[in-house]
N, C-alpha and C. Protein backbone atom coordinates (compact mmCIF):
# COMPACT_ATOMS: atom_id res chain seq x y z
N UNK A 1 -26.23 27.18 101.88
CA UNK A 1 -26.21 25.62 101.16
C UNK A 1 -24.86 25.31 100.88
N UNK A 2 -23.32 26.01 100.91
CA UNK A 2 -22.23 25.28 100.78
C UNK A 2 -22.52 24.53 102.42
N UNK A 3 -22.61 25.05 103.17
CA UNK A 3 -22.34 24.15 104.55
C UNK A 3 -23.32 23.04 104.29
N UNK A 4 -24.37 23.05 103.92
CA UNK A 4 -25.50 21.94 103.94
C UNK A 4 -24.38 20.66 102.83
N UNK A 5 -23.69 21.34 101.67
CA UNK A 5 -23.18 20.35 101.01
C UNK A 5 -22.13 19.44 101.55
N UNK A 6 -21.74 20.64 102.57
CA UNK A 6 -20.06 19.98 103.07
C UNK A 6 -20.69 18.66 104.10
N UNK A 7 -21.57 19.08 104.85
CA UNK A 7 -22.31 17.76 105.73
C UNK A 7 -22.89 16.90 105.05
N UNK A 8 -23.23 17.01 103.74
CA UNK A 8 -23.93 15.69 103.03
C UNK A 8 -23.04 14.89 102.64
N UNK A 9 -21.81 15.50 102.05
CA UNK A 9 -20.98 15.08 101.20
C UNK A 9 -19.48 15.05 102.03
N UNK A 10 -19.50 14.90 103.30
CA UNK A 10 -18.66 15.06 103.96
C UNK A 10 -17.54 13.37 103.65
N UNK A 11 -18.10 12.20 104.02
CA UNK A 11 -17.41 10.88 103.69
C UNK A 11 -16.72 10.66 102.31
N UNK A 12 -17.32 11.78 101.56
CA UNK A 12 -16.95 11.47 99.93
C UNK A 12 -15.90 12.53 99.47
N UNK A 13 -15.90 13.45 100.33
CA UNK A 13 -15.01 14.55 99.91
C UNK A 13 -13.41 14.73 101.13
N UNK A 14 -12.73 14.77 100.49
CA UNK A 14 -11.20 15.28 101.19
C UNK A 14 -11.32 16.52 102.12
N UNK A 15 -12.18 17.60 101.66
CA UNK A 15 -12.60 19.06 102.96
C UNK A 15 -13.19 19.54 101.83
N UNK A 16 -14.10 20.61 102.98
CA UNK A 16 -14.93 21.65 102.45
C UNK A 16 -14.23 22.68 103.35
N UNK A 17 -14.34 23.91 102.80
CA UNK A 17 -13.61 24.88 103.65
C UNK A 17 -14.62 26.51 103.13
N UNK A 18 -14.32 27.14 104.34
CA UNK A 18 -14.73 28.43 104.13
C UNK A 18 -13.31 29.47 103.10
N UNK A 19 -13.68 30.36 102.48
CA UNK A 19 -12.43 30.97 101.33
C UNK A 19 -11.86 31.75 102.10
N UNK A 20 -12.57 32.37 103.45
CA UNK A 20 -11.69 33.19 103.66
C UNK A 20 -10.91 33.04 104.88
N UNK A 21 -9.70 33.54 105.16
CA UNK A 21 -8.37 33.11 105.99
C UNK A 21 -8.21 34.81 106.44
N UNK A 22 -8.45 35.08 107.83
CA UNK A 22 -8.23 36.32 108.55
C UNK A 22 -6.67 36.23 109.21
N UNK A 23 -6.31 36.96 109.64
CA UNK A 23 -4.78 37.22 109.94
C UNK A 23 -4.88 36.18 111.45
N UNK A 24 -3.68 35.27 111.50
CA UNK A 24 -3.62 34.79 112.68
C UNK A 24 -2.00 34.82 113.00
N UNK A 25 -1.89 34.20 114.38
CA UNK A 25 -0.20 34.79 114.84
C UNK A 25 0.01 33.56 115.54
N UNK A 26 1.53 32.58 115.48
CA UNK A 26 1.82 31.57 115.89
C UNK A 26 3.08 31.92 116.29
N UNK A 27 3.78 31.04 116.89
CA UNK A 27 4.86 30.90 117.29
C UNK A 27 6.07 30.24 116.40
N UNK A 28 7.26 31.02 115.76
CA UNK A 28 7.92 30.64 115.13
C UNK A 28 8.87 29.63 115.83
N UNK A 29 9.75 28.69 114.88
CA UNK A 29 11.07 28.12 115.35
C UNK A 29 12.49 28.79 116.26
N UNK A 30 12.33 30.42 115.76
CA UNK A 30 13.36 31.15 116.23
C UNK A 30 12.54 31.80 117.58
N UNK A 31 11.53 31.45 118.09
CA UNK A 31 10.98 31.89 119.47
C UNK A 31 10.21 32.86 118.94
N UNK A 32 10.06 33.55 117.67
CA UNK A 32 9.22 34.86 117.90
C UNK A 32 7.70 34.35 117.20
N UNK A 33 6.60 35.24 117.54
CA UNK A 33 5.67 35.13 116.87
C UNK A 33 5.78 36.21 115.61
N UNK A 34 4.78 35.14 114.86
CA UNK A 34 4.71 35.54 113.33
C UNK A 34 3.53 36.15 113.10
N UNK A 35 2.97 36.52 112.51
CA UNK A 35 1.31 36.67 111.98
C UNK A 35 1.76 37.09 110.27
N UNK A 36 0.55 36.85 109.77
CA UNK A 36 0.74 37.38 108.17
C UNK A 36 0.48 39.13 107.98
N UNK A 37 0.20 39.65 109.09
CA UNK A 37 0.32 41.14 109.28
C UNK A 37 1.73 41.45 109.28
N UNK A 38 2.68 40.75 109.62
CA UNK A 38 4.07 41.11 109.58
C UNK A 38 4.28 41.30 108.08
N UNK A 39 3.55 41.00 107.34
CA UNK A 39 4.14 41.20 105.53
C UNK A 39 3.22 42.19 104.93
N UNK A 40 3.15 43.47 105.34
CA UNK A 40 2.21 43.87 104.86
C UNK A 40 2.31 43.94 103.24
N UNK A 41 3.28 44.21 103.12
CA UNK A 41 3.50 44.22 101.11
C UNK A 41 3.09 42.80 100.43
N UNK A 42 2.90 41.83 101.48
CA UNK A 42 2.27 40.63 100.64
C UNK A 42 1.38 40.63 99.66
N UNK A 43 1.54 40.02 98.22
CA UNK A 43 0.11 39.77 97.95
C UNK A 43 -0.57 38.80 97.98
N UNK A 44 -0.07 37.73 98.36
CA UNK A 44 -0.68 36.60 98.79
C UNK A 44 0.60 35.04 99.96
N UNK A 45 0.17 34.22 99.98
CA UNK A 45 0.94 33.61 100.89
C UNK A 45 1.04 32.08 100.25
N UNK A 46 1.80 31.31 100.35
CA UNK A 46 2.28 29.65 100.07
C UNK A 46 1.85 28.94 101.85
N UNK A 47 0.89 28.91 102.34
CA UNK A 47 0.53 27.72 103.51
C UNK A 47 0.83 26.39 103.21
N UNK A 48 2.05 25.62 104.04
CA UNK A 48 1.90 24.41 103.79
C UNK A 48 1.52 23.92 104.87
N UNK A 49 0.98 23.22 105.36
CA UNK A 49 0.89 22.62 106.63
C UNK A 49 1.77 21.42 106.61
N UNK A 50 2.48 20.73 107.36
CA UNK A 50 3.60 20.08 107.50
C UNK A 50 4.11 19.31 108.54
N UNK A 51 5.13 18.41 108.61
CA UNK A 51 5.18 18.05 110.28
C UNK A 51 6.60 17.02 110.03
N UNK A 52 6.80 16.75 111.11
CA UNK A 52 8.55 16.29 110.94
C UNK A 52 8.52 14.88 110.96
N UNK A 53 7.53 14.12 111.43
CA UNK A 53 7.31 12.38 111.27
C UNK A 53 6.83 11.85 109.95
N UNK A 54 5.93 12.88 109.24
CA UNK A 54 5.23 12.09 108.41
C UNK A 54 6.40 11.70 106.87
N UNK A 55 6.55 10.33 106.27
CA UNK A 55 7.24 10.26 105.11
C UNK A 55 7.29 11.20 104.05
N UNK A 56 5.78 11.17 103.69
CA UNK A 56 5.56 12.27 102.33
C UNK A 56 6.05 13.60 102.80
N UNK A 57 6.15 14.15 104.04
CA UNK A 57 6.34 15.95 104.43
C UNK A 57 8.03 15.55 104.25
N UNK A 58 8.54 14.56 104.55
CA UNK A 58 10.45 14.54 104.40
C UNK A 58 10.84 14.63 103.40
N UNK A 59 9.86 14.55 101.99
CA UNK A 59 10.19 14.56 100.83
C UNK A 59 10.30 16.03 100.34
N UNK A 60 9.36 17.12 100.89
CA UNK A 60 9.64 18.10 100.37
C UNK A 60 10.29 19.35 100.87
N UNK A 61 11.69 19.45 101.81
CA UNK A 61 12.06 20.59 102.43
C UNK A 61 12.59 21.44 101.13
N UNK A 62 13.62 20.53 100.57
CA UNK A 62 14.16 21.21 99.36
C UNK A 62 13.21 22.22 98.71
N UNK A 63 12.16 21.48 98.04
CA UNK A 63 10.93 22.22 97.30
C UNK A 63 10.86 23.42 97.63
N UNK A 64 10.40 23.35 99.26
CA UNK A 64 9.61 24.34 99.75
C UNK A 64 10.70 25.57 99.91
N UNK A 65 11.91 25.30 99.97
CA UNK A 65 12.86 26.22 100.37
C UNK A 65 13.04 26.87 99.13
N UNK A 66 12.94 26.14 97.74
CA UNK A 66 12.83 26.80 96.37
C UNK A 66 11.94 27.56 96.00
N UNK A 67 10.34 27.50 96.40
CA UNK A 67 9.41 27.97 96.44
C UNK A 67 9.64 29.19 96.83
N UNK A 68 9.98 29.10 98.29
CA UNK A 68 10.04 30.52 98.74
C UNK A 68 11.17 31.55 98.22
N UNK A 69 12.28 30.59 98.04
CA UNK A 69 13.38 31.69 97.22
C UNK A 69 12.95 32.25 95.96
N UNK A 70 12.03 31.88 95.26
CA UNK A 70 11.32 32.34 93.92
C UNK A 70 10.31 33.37 94.05
N UNK A 71 9.42 33.26 95.48
CA UNK A 71 8.54 33.61 95.07
C UNK A 71 8.26 34.77 96.65
N UNK A 72 9.08 34.92 97.30
CA UNK A 72 9.27 35.70 98.53
C UNK A 72 9.39 37.08 98.01
N UNK A 73 10.35 37.28 96.97
CA UNK A 73 10.74 38.53 96.35
C UNK A 73 9.89 39.40 95.43
N UNK A 74 8.74 38.10 95.26
CA UNK A 74 7.74 38.62 94.29
C UNK A 74 6.43 39.21 95.45
N UNK A 75 6.62 38.72 96.54
CA UNK A 75 5.37 39.28 97.38
C UNK A 75 4.37 37.85 97.60
N UNK A 76 5.13 37.12 97.58
CA UNK A 76 4.37 35.80 97.95
C UNK A 76 5.12 34.89 98.67
N UNK A 77 5.68 35.05 100.15
CA UNK A 77 6.51 34.13 100.82
C UNK A 77 5.71 33.09 101.27
N UNK A 78 6.56 32.13 101.75
CA UNK A 78 5.98 30.49 102.01
C UNK A 78 6.07 30.61 103.81
N UNK A 79 4.93 30.10 104.23
CA UNK A 79 5.04 29.91 105.68
C UNK A 79 4.46 28.29 106.44
N UNK A 80 5.30 27.61 106.92
CA UNK A 80 4.95 26.26 106.95
C UNK A 80 4.50 26.49 108.20
N UNK A 81 3.31 25.17 108.52
CA UNK A 81 2.76 25.46 109.68
C UNK A 81 2.62 23.92 110.42
N UNK A 82 3.03 23.35 111.73
CA UNK A 82 2.55 22.52 112.27
C UNK A 82 1.67 21.94 113.09
N UNK A 83 0.56 21.14 112.62
CA UNK A 83 -0.65 21.24 113.48
C UNK A 83 -0.84 19.87 114.04
N UNK A 84 0.48 19.24 114.13
CA UNK A 84 0.09 17.68 114.44
C UNK A 84 0.05 17.18 116.03
N UNK A 85 -0.62 16.31 116.03
CA UNK A 85 -1.21 16.00 117.25
C UNK A 85 0.16 15.38 117.97
N UNK A 86 0.97 16.23 119.07
CA UNK A 86 2.37 15.71 119.43
C UNK A 86 2.35 14.76 120.72
N UNK A 87 1.24 14.66 121.13
CA UNK A 87 0.94 13.45 122.00
C UNK A 87 1.04 12.21 121.48
N UNK A 88 0.43 12.21 120.04
CA UNK A 88 0.34 10.82 119.30
C UNK A 88 1.97 10.91 118.36
N UNK A 89 2.39 11.82 118.25
CA UNK A 89 3.65 11.77 117.65
C UNK A 89 4.62 12.82 118.19
N UNK A 90 5.72 12.35 119.05
CA UNK A 90 6.53 12.75 119.75
C UNK A 90 7.93 13.36 118.75
N UNK A 91 7.71 13.32 117.62
CA UNK A 91 8.57 13.55 116.71
C UNK A 91 8.11 15.16 116.02
N UNK A 92 6.88 15.41 116.50
CA UNK A 92 6.42 16.86 115.76
C UNK A 92 6.71 17.96 117.20
N UNK A 93 7.24 17.42 118.08
CA UNK A 93 6.99 18.78 119.38
C UNK A 93 7.72 19.57 118.95
N UNK A 94 7.17 21.04 119.84
CA UNK A 94 7.95 22.27 119.05
C UNK A 94 9.69 21.99 119.18
N UNK A 95 10.11 21.58 120.02
CA UNK A 95 11.76 21.23 120.14
C UNK A 95 12.13 20.46 118.96
N UNK A 96 11.24 19.35 118.46
CA UNK A 96 11.78 18.90 117.37
C UNK A 96 12.19 19.66 116.28
N UNK A 97 10.85 20.43 116.25
CA UNK A 97 10.65 21.38 115.09
C UNK A 97 11.72 22.42 114.99
N UNK A 98 12.71 23.23 115.63
CA UNK A 98 13.53 23.74 115.85
C UNK A 98 14.54 22.89 115.23
N UNK A 99 14.73 21.27 115.53
CA UNK A 99 15.71 20.69 115.18
C UNK A 99 15.56 20.43 113.42
N UNK A 100 14.43 20.54 113.05
CA UNK A 100 14.42 19.89 111.88
C UNK A 100 14.40 21.39 110.94
N UNK A 101 14.01 22.31 111.16
CA UNK A 101 14.51 23.74 111.17
C UNK A 101 15.60 23.88 110.86
N UNK A 102 16.46 23.73 111.56
CA UNK A 102 17.96 23.98 111.44
C UNK A 102 18.44 22.98 110.53
N UNK A 103 18.11 21.58 110.80
CA UNK A 103 18.99 20.90 110.00
C UNK A 103 18.80 20.50 108.42
N UNK A 104 17.69 21.00 107.75
CA UNK A 104 17.08 21.11 106.99
C UNK A 104 17.42 23.02 106.16
N UNK A 105 17.82 23.53 107.05
CA UNK A 105 18.05 25.06 106.41
C UNK A 105 17.03 25.61 105.83
N UNK A 106 15.55 26.00 106.71
CA UNK A 106 14.74 26.28 106.27
C UNK A 106 15.00 27.80 106.06
N UNK A 107 14.04 28.42 104.89
CA UNK A 107 14.40 29.72 104.56
C UNK A 107 13.17 30.73 104.68
N UNK A 108 12.35 29.63 105.48
CA UNK A 108 10.86 30.61 105.77
C UNK A 108 10.73 29.88 107.32
N UNK A 109 9.35 30.76 107.65
CA UNK A 109 8.89 30.78 108.94
C UNK A 109 8.32 29.18 108.98
N UNK A 110 8.39 28.55 110.59
CA UNK A 110 7.79 27.07 110.53
C UNK A 110 7.27 26.99 111.83
N UNK A 111 5.76 27.42 111.78
CA UNK A 111 5.13 27.91 113.04
C UNK A 111 4.66 26.91 113.68
N UNK A 112 4.29 26.64 115.04
CA UNK A 112 3.91 25.71 115.64
C UNK A 112 2.40 25.64 116.18
N UNK A 113 1.10 25.17 115.71
CA UNK A 113 -0.10 25.44 116.16
C UNK A 113 -0.67 24.78 116.68
N UNK A 114 -0.03 24.44 118.01
CA UNK A 114 -0.57 23.46 119.25
C UNK A 114 -1.87 23.12 119.44
N UNK A 115 -2.98 24.39 119.42
CA UNK A 115 -4.33 23.86 119.68
C UNK A 115 -4.86 23.51 118.23
N UNK A 116 -4.19 23.21 117.23
CA UNK A 116 -4.91 22.94 115.99
C UNK A 116 -5.89 23.79 115.00
N UNK A 117 -5.72 25.37 115.73
CA UNK A 117 -6.87 26.28 115.32
C UNK A 117 -6.61 26.70 113.86
N UNK A 118 -5.54 26.79 113.56
CA UNK A 118 -5.37 27.39 112.15
C UNK A 118 -5.54 26.04 111.39
N UNK A 119 -5.07 25.00 111.37
CA UNK A 119 -5.40 23.95 110.63
C UNK A 119 -6.90 23.75 110.59
N UNK A 120 -7.54 24.28 111.31
CA UNK A 120 -9.04 23.60 111.36
C UNK A 120 -9.53 25.24 110.51
N UNK A 121 -8.98 26.25 110.55
CA UNK A 121 -9.44 27.55 110.03
C UNK A 121 -9.29 27.06 108.24
N UNK A 122 -8.16 26.36 108.15
CA UNK A 122 -7.70 26.14 106.73
C UNK A 122 -8.79 25.24 106.05
N UNK A 123 -9.23 23.91 107.15
CA UNK A 123 -9.59 22.76 106.95
C UNK A 123 -8.62 22.02 106.43
N UNK A 124 -7.50 22.20 106.78
CA UNK A 124 -6.44 21.12 106.20
C UNK A 124 -6.59 19.78 106.70
N UNK A 125 -6.12 18.98 105.64
CA UNK A 125 -6.44 17.23 106.18
C UNK A 125 -4.96 16.57 106.21
N UNK A 126 -4.21 17.10 105.62
CA UNK A 126 -2.76 15.99 105.28
C UNK A 126 -1.85 16.67 105.56
N UNK A 127 -0.52 16.24 105.83
CA UNK A 127 0.82 16.86 105.57
C UNK A 127 1.41 16.22 104.51
N UNK A 128 2.23 16.71 103.37
CA UNK A 128 1.54 18.03 103.34
C UNK A 128 0.57 18.63 102.66
N UNK A 129 -0.04 19.41 103.03
CA UNK A 129 -1.42 20.30 102.47
C UNK A 129 -1.15 21.72 101.96
N UNK A 130 -1.21 22.09 100.73
CA UNK A 130 -0.79 23.17 100.62
C UNK A 130 -2.05 24.35 100.37
N UNK A 131 -1.65 25.30 100.28
CA UNK A 131 -2.58 26.73 99.88
C UNK A 131 -2.24 27.36 99.41
N UNK A 132 -2.52 28.21 98.54
CA UNK A 132 -2.25 29.25 98.15
C UNK A 132 -3.50 30.33 98.33
N UNK A 133 -2.91 31.42 99.64
CA UNK A 133 -4.11 32.24 99.69
C UNK A 133 -3.50 33.82 99.07
N UNK A 134 -4.51 34.64 98.65
CA UNK A 134 -4.39 36.06 98.00
C UNK A 134 -5.28 36.97 98.70
N UNK A 135 -4.28 38.25 98.71
CA UNK A 135 -4.96 39.28 99.45
C UNK A 135 -6.22 39.74 98.80
N UNK A 136 -7.32 40.36 99.73
CA UNK A 136 -8.88 40.72 98.97
C UNK A 136 -8.94 41.74 100.45
N UNK A 137 -8.59 43.04 100.04
CA UNK A 137 -9.16 44.13 101.11
C UNK A 137 -8.33 43.62 102.52
N UNK A 138 -9.17 43.53 104.00
CA UNK A 138 -8.34 43.33 104.94
C UNK A 138 -8.47 41.48 105.29
N UNK A 139 -8.43 40.84 104.20
CA UNK A 139 -8.46 39.67 104.31
C UNK A 139 -7.76 38.81 103.16
N UNK A 140 -7.35 37.45 103.24
CA UNK A 140 -7.19 36.40 102.51
C UNK A 140 -7.91 35.40 102.08
N UNK A 141 -7.95 35.27 100.65
CA UNK A 141 -9.01 34.40 100.18
C UNK A 141 -7.88 33.26 99.48
N UNK A 142 -8.47 31.69 99.80
CA UNK A 142 -7.89 30.44 99.33
C UNK A 142 -8.45 30.66 97.68
N UNK A 143 -7.08 30.51 96.94
CA UNK A 143 -7.01 30.13 95.57
C UNK A 143 -6.96 29.00 95.44
N UNK A 144 -6.22 28.19 96.16
CA UNK A 144 -5.87 26.57 95.69
C UNK A 144 -5.27 25.86 97.15
N UNK A 145 -6.01 24.70 97.05
CA UNK A 145 -5.70 23.78 98.03
C UNK A 145 -5.35 22.43 97.46
N UNK A 146 -4.40 21.75 98.19
CA UNK A 146 -4.18 20.60 97.88
C UNK A 146 -2.60 19.87 97.74
N UNK A 147 -2.17 19.57 97.10
CA UNK A 147 -0.46 18.44 96.71
C UNK A 147 0.10 20.04 96.20
N UNK A 148 1.44 19.85 96.72
CA UNK A 148 2.27 20.79 96.48
C UNK A 148 2.87 20.60 94.97
N UNK A 149 2.71 19.57 94.18
CA UNK A 149 2.90 18.92 93.12
C UNK A 149 2.66 17.50 92.65
N UNK A 150 2.58 16.85 91.54
CA UNK A 150 2.45 15.42 91.42
C UNK A 150 3.09 14.56 91.12
N UNK A 151 4.44 14.92 91.80
CA UNK A 151 5.07 13.46 92.50
C UNK A 151 6.29 13.81 93.41
N UNK A 152 5.47 13.33 94.69
CA UNK A 152 6.78 13.73 96.09
C UNK A 152 7.78 13.01 95.83
N UNK A 153 7.83 11.49 95.26
CA UNK A 153 9.20 10.69 95.27
C UNK A 153 10.18 11.32 94.34
N UNK A 154 9.62 11.63 93.42
CA UNK A 154 10.65 11.93 92.43
C UNK A 154 10.59 13.22 91.68
N UNK A 155 11.30 13.95 92.66
CA UNK A 155 11.41 15.60 91.98
C UNK A 155 11.55 15.77 90.42
N UNK A 156 12.22 15.25 90.11
CA UNK A 156 12.51 15.14 88.47
C UNK A 156 11.74 14.66 87.89
N UNK A 157 10.89 14.15 88.24
CA UNK A 157 9.68 13.38 87.35
C UNK A 157 8.13 14.13 87.47
N UNK A 158 8.35 15.21 88.31
CA UNK A 158 7.40 16.15 88.47
C UNK A 158 6.66 16.78 87.02
N UNK A 159 5.45 16.67 86.59
CA UNK A 159 5.02 17.18 85.55
C UNK A 159 3.81 18.25 86.07
N UNK A 160 3.55 18.48 87.03
CA UNK A 160 2.52 19.55 87.22
C UNK A 160 3.01 20.00 88.86
N UNK A 161 3.26 21.18 88.65
CA UNK A 161 3.30 21.81 89.93
C UNK A 161 2.66 22.90 90.18
N UNK A 162 1.31 22.11 91.02
CA UNK A 162 0.29 22.69 90.93
C UNK A 162 0.45 24.07 91.88
N UNK A 163 1.11 24.45 92.95
CA UNK A 163 1.55 25.45 93.83
C UNK A 163 2.28 26.69 92.74
N UNK A 164 3.12 26.32 92.27
CA UNK A 164 3.98 27.33 91.73
C UNK A 164 2.81 27.66 90.40
N UNK A 165 2.27 26.55 89.87
CA UNK A 165 1.40 27.33 88.44
C UNK A 165 0.36 28.09 89.19
N UNK A 166 -0.48 27.97 90.32
CA UNK A 166 -1.44 29.05 90.59
C UNK A 166 -0.42 30.33 91.15
N UNK A 167 0.09 30.50 91.69
CA UNK A 167 1.24 31.86 91.94
C UNK A 167 1.11 32.59 90.64
N UNK A 168 1.93 31.94 89.98
CA UNK A 168 1.90 32.69 88.53
C UNK A 168 0.71 33.07 87.64
N UNK A 169 -0.51 32.28 87.99
CA UNK A 169 -1.27 32.78 87.46
C UNK A 169 -2.01 33.89 88.45
N UNK A 170 -2.17 33.87 89.19
CA UNK A 170 -2.27 35.35 90.39
C UNK A 170 -1.19 35.92 89.97
N UNK A 171 -0.22 35.92 90.09
CA UNK A 171 0.77 36.86 89.93
C UNK A 171 0.18 37.84 88.13
N UNK A 172 -0.03 37.04 87.52
CA UNK A 172 -0.60 37.70 86.33
C UNK A 172 -1.83 38.15 86.23
N UNK A 173 -2.89 38.00 87.02
CA UNK A 173 -4.11 38.77 87.14
C UNK A 173 -5.22 37.29 86.70
N UNK A 174 -4.78 36.28 86.81
CA UNK A 174 -5.49 35.11 86.30
C UNK A 174 -5.80 34.49 87.39
N UNK A 175 -7.35 33.54 87.07
CA UNK A 175 -8.12 33.06 87.85
C UNK A 175 -7.09 31.74 87.38
N UNK A 176 -7.00 31.23 88.96
CA UNK A 176 -6.33 29.69 89.20
C UNK A 176 -7.20 29.00 88.29
N UNK A 177 -6.40 28.26 87.26
CA UNK A 177 -7.25 27.16 86.49
C UNK A 177 -7.46 25.73 87.04
N UNK A 178 -6.47 25.56 87.87
CA UNK A 178 -6.31 24.49 88.70
C UNK A 178 -6.63 24.75 90.19
N UNK A 179 -7.35 24.73 90.84
CA UNK A 179 -7.69 25.29 92.27
C UNK A 179 -7.50 24.08 93.28
N UNK A 180 -8.21 22.95 92.98
CA UNK A 180 -8.11 21.89 94.10
C UNK A 180 -7.70 20.60 93.43
N UNK A 181 -6.96 20.08 94.36
CA UNK A 181 -6.09 18.78 93.90
C UNK A 181 -6.27 18.04 95.57
N UNK A 182 -5.86 16.56 95.19
CA UNK A 182 -6.07 16.02 96.31
C UNK A 182 -4.20 16.03 97.24
N UNK A 183 -4.57 16.18 98.01
CA UNK A 183 -3.31 16.17 98.76
C UNK A 183 -2.78 14.89 99.34
N UNK A 184 -2.00 13.98 99.20
CA UNK A 184 -1.18 13.28 99.71
C UNK A 184 -0.12 13.33 100.68
N UNK A 185 -0.26 12.04 101.76
CA UNK A 185 -0.10 12.10 102.94
C UNK A 185 -0.75 11.54 104.15
N UNK A 186 0.27 12.05 105.51
CA UNK A 186 -0.39 11.71 106.98
C UNK A 186 -1.31 12.67 107.09
N UNK A 187 -2.45 11.84 107.52
CA UNK A 187 -3.58 12.70 108.00
C UNK A 187 -3.44 13.41 109.48
N UNK A 188 -3.87 14.65 109.29
CA UNK A 188 -4.09 15.41 110.54
C UNK A 188 -5.02 15.00 111.53
N UNK A 189 -4.68 14.43 112.64
CA UNK A 189 -5.88 13.89 113.25
C UNK A 189 -6.15 15.39 114.62
N UNK A 190 -7.20 15.50 114.62
CA UNK A 190 -8.03 16.54 115.31
C UNK A 190 -8.15 16.13 116.71
N UNK A 191 -7.61 16.45 117.97
CA UNK A 191 -8.25 16.21 119.12
C UNK A 191 -9.29 16.57 119.96
N UNK A 192 -9.66 17.50 119.47
CA UNK A 192 -11.43 17.98 119.53
C UNK A 192 -12.18 18.26 118.18
C-alpha cells in the first residue's frame, strides 16, 4: 500500500522511502572504506547528504562539526555523503571532496557515493538532506528525514533544530515529534 501511495502521489511529495537502512560501505576522503558496522557501539547516526558546489550545503560545515562533536560521544556519530553527479558538477569530484574536508576541518567522515546507490537507498533528494537513523536489531530505521534546522542563512536565528531535537528525543527513548520536514537545497540528479 505504501509503495502504491508513493507512486500515486510522487509528483506532489518530496520523497517516499523505505524505513529500513542496512549496512553500507563507501570510500572516505582519507582513502579508507567506512561502514556503519565500523561503529559497533553506535545507537544511531546522523546521515547528511551534501556536496561541495551547492550554496545551501556551503552554509552548514560548522554546524555539522558541532553536531558530530556533541553527539558522537553519546553514540550518535555524523556521516556526510556526497552522491552528486560529478559529470554535471566537477566541483563535487572525489579530489575536490578531499580539499573541502581539509579546508572545513571536517570532524566526521565525508563519503563518496559515485554510483548514487546509497542516496537511492535513503531516497535523498537535496543537498543538504538530513536523516537520523536508529539501530533496531541488525539494521537501522529512519526516524527523521528533512532539513537540518529552520534557517540555513542565519545560524543565530535558528528557532528549530530538527536534527538535534530528533536525536535528543531518541536518546531519551521518546518518539520523534517532528519526523519529517522539507529539505531545502540543490536537487540531487540521478543518472539512472
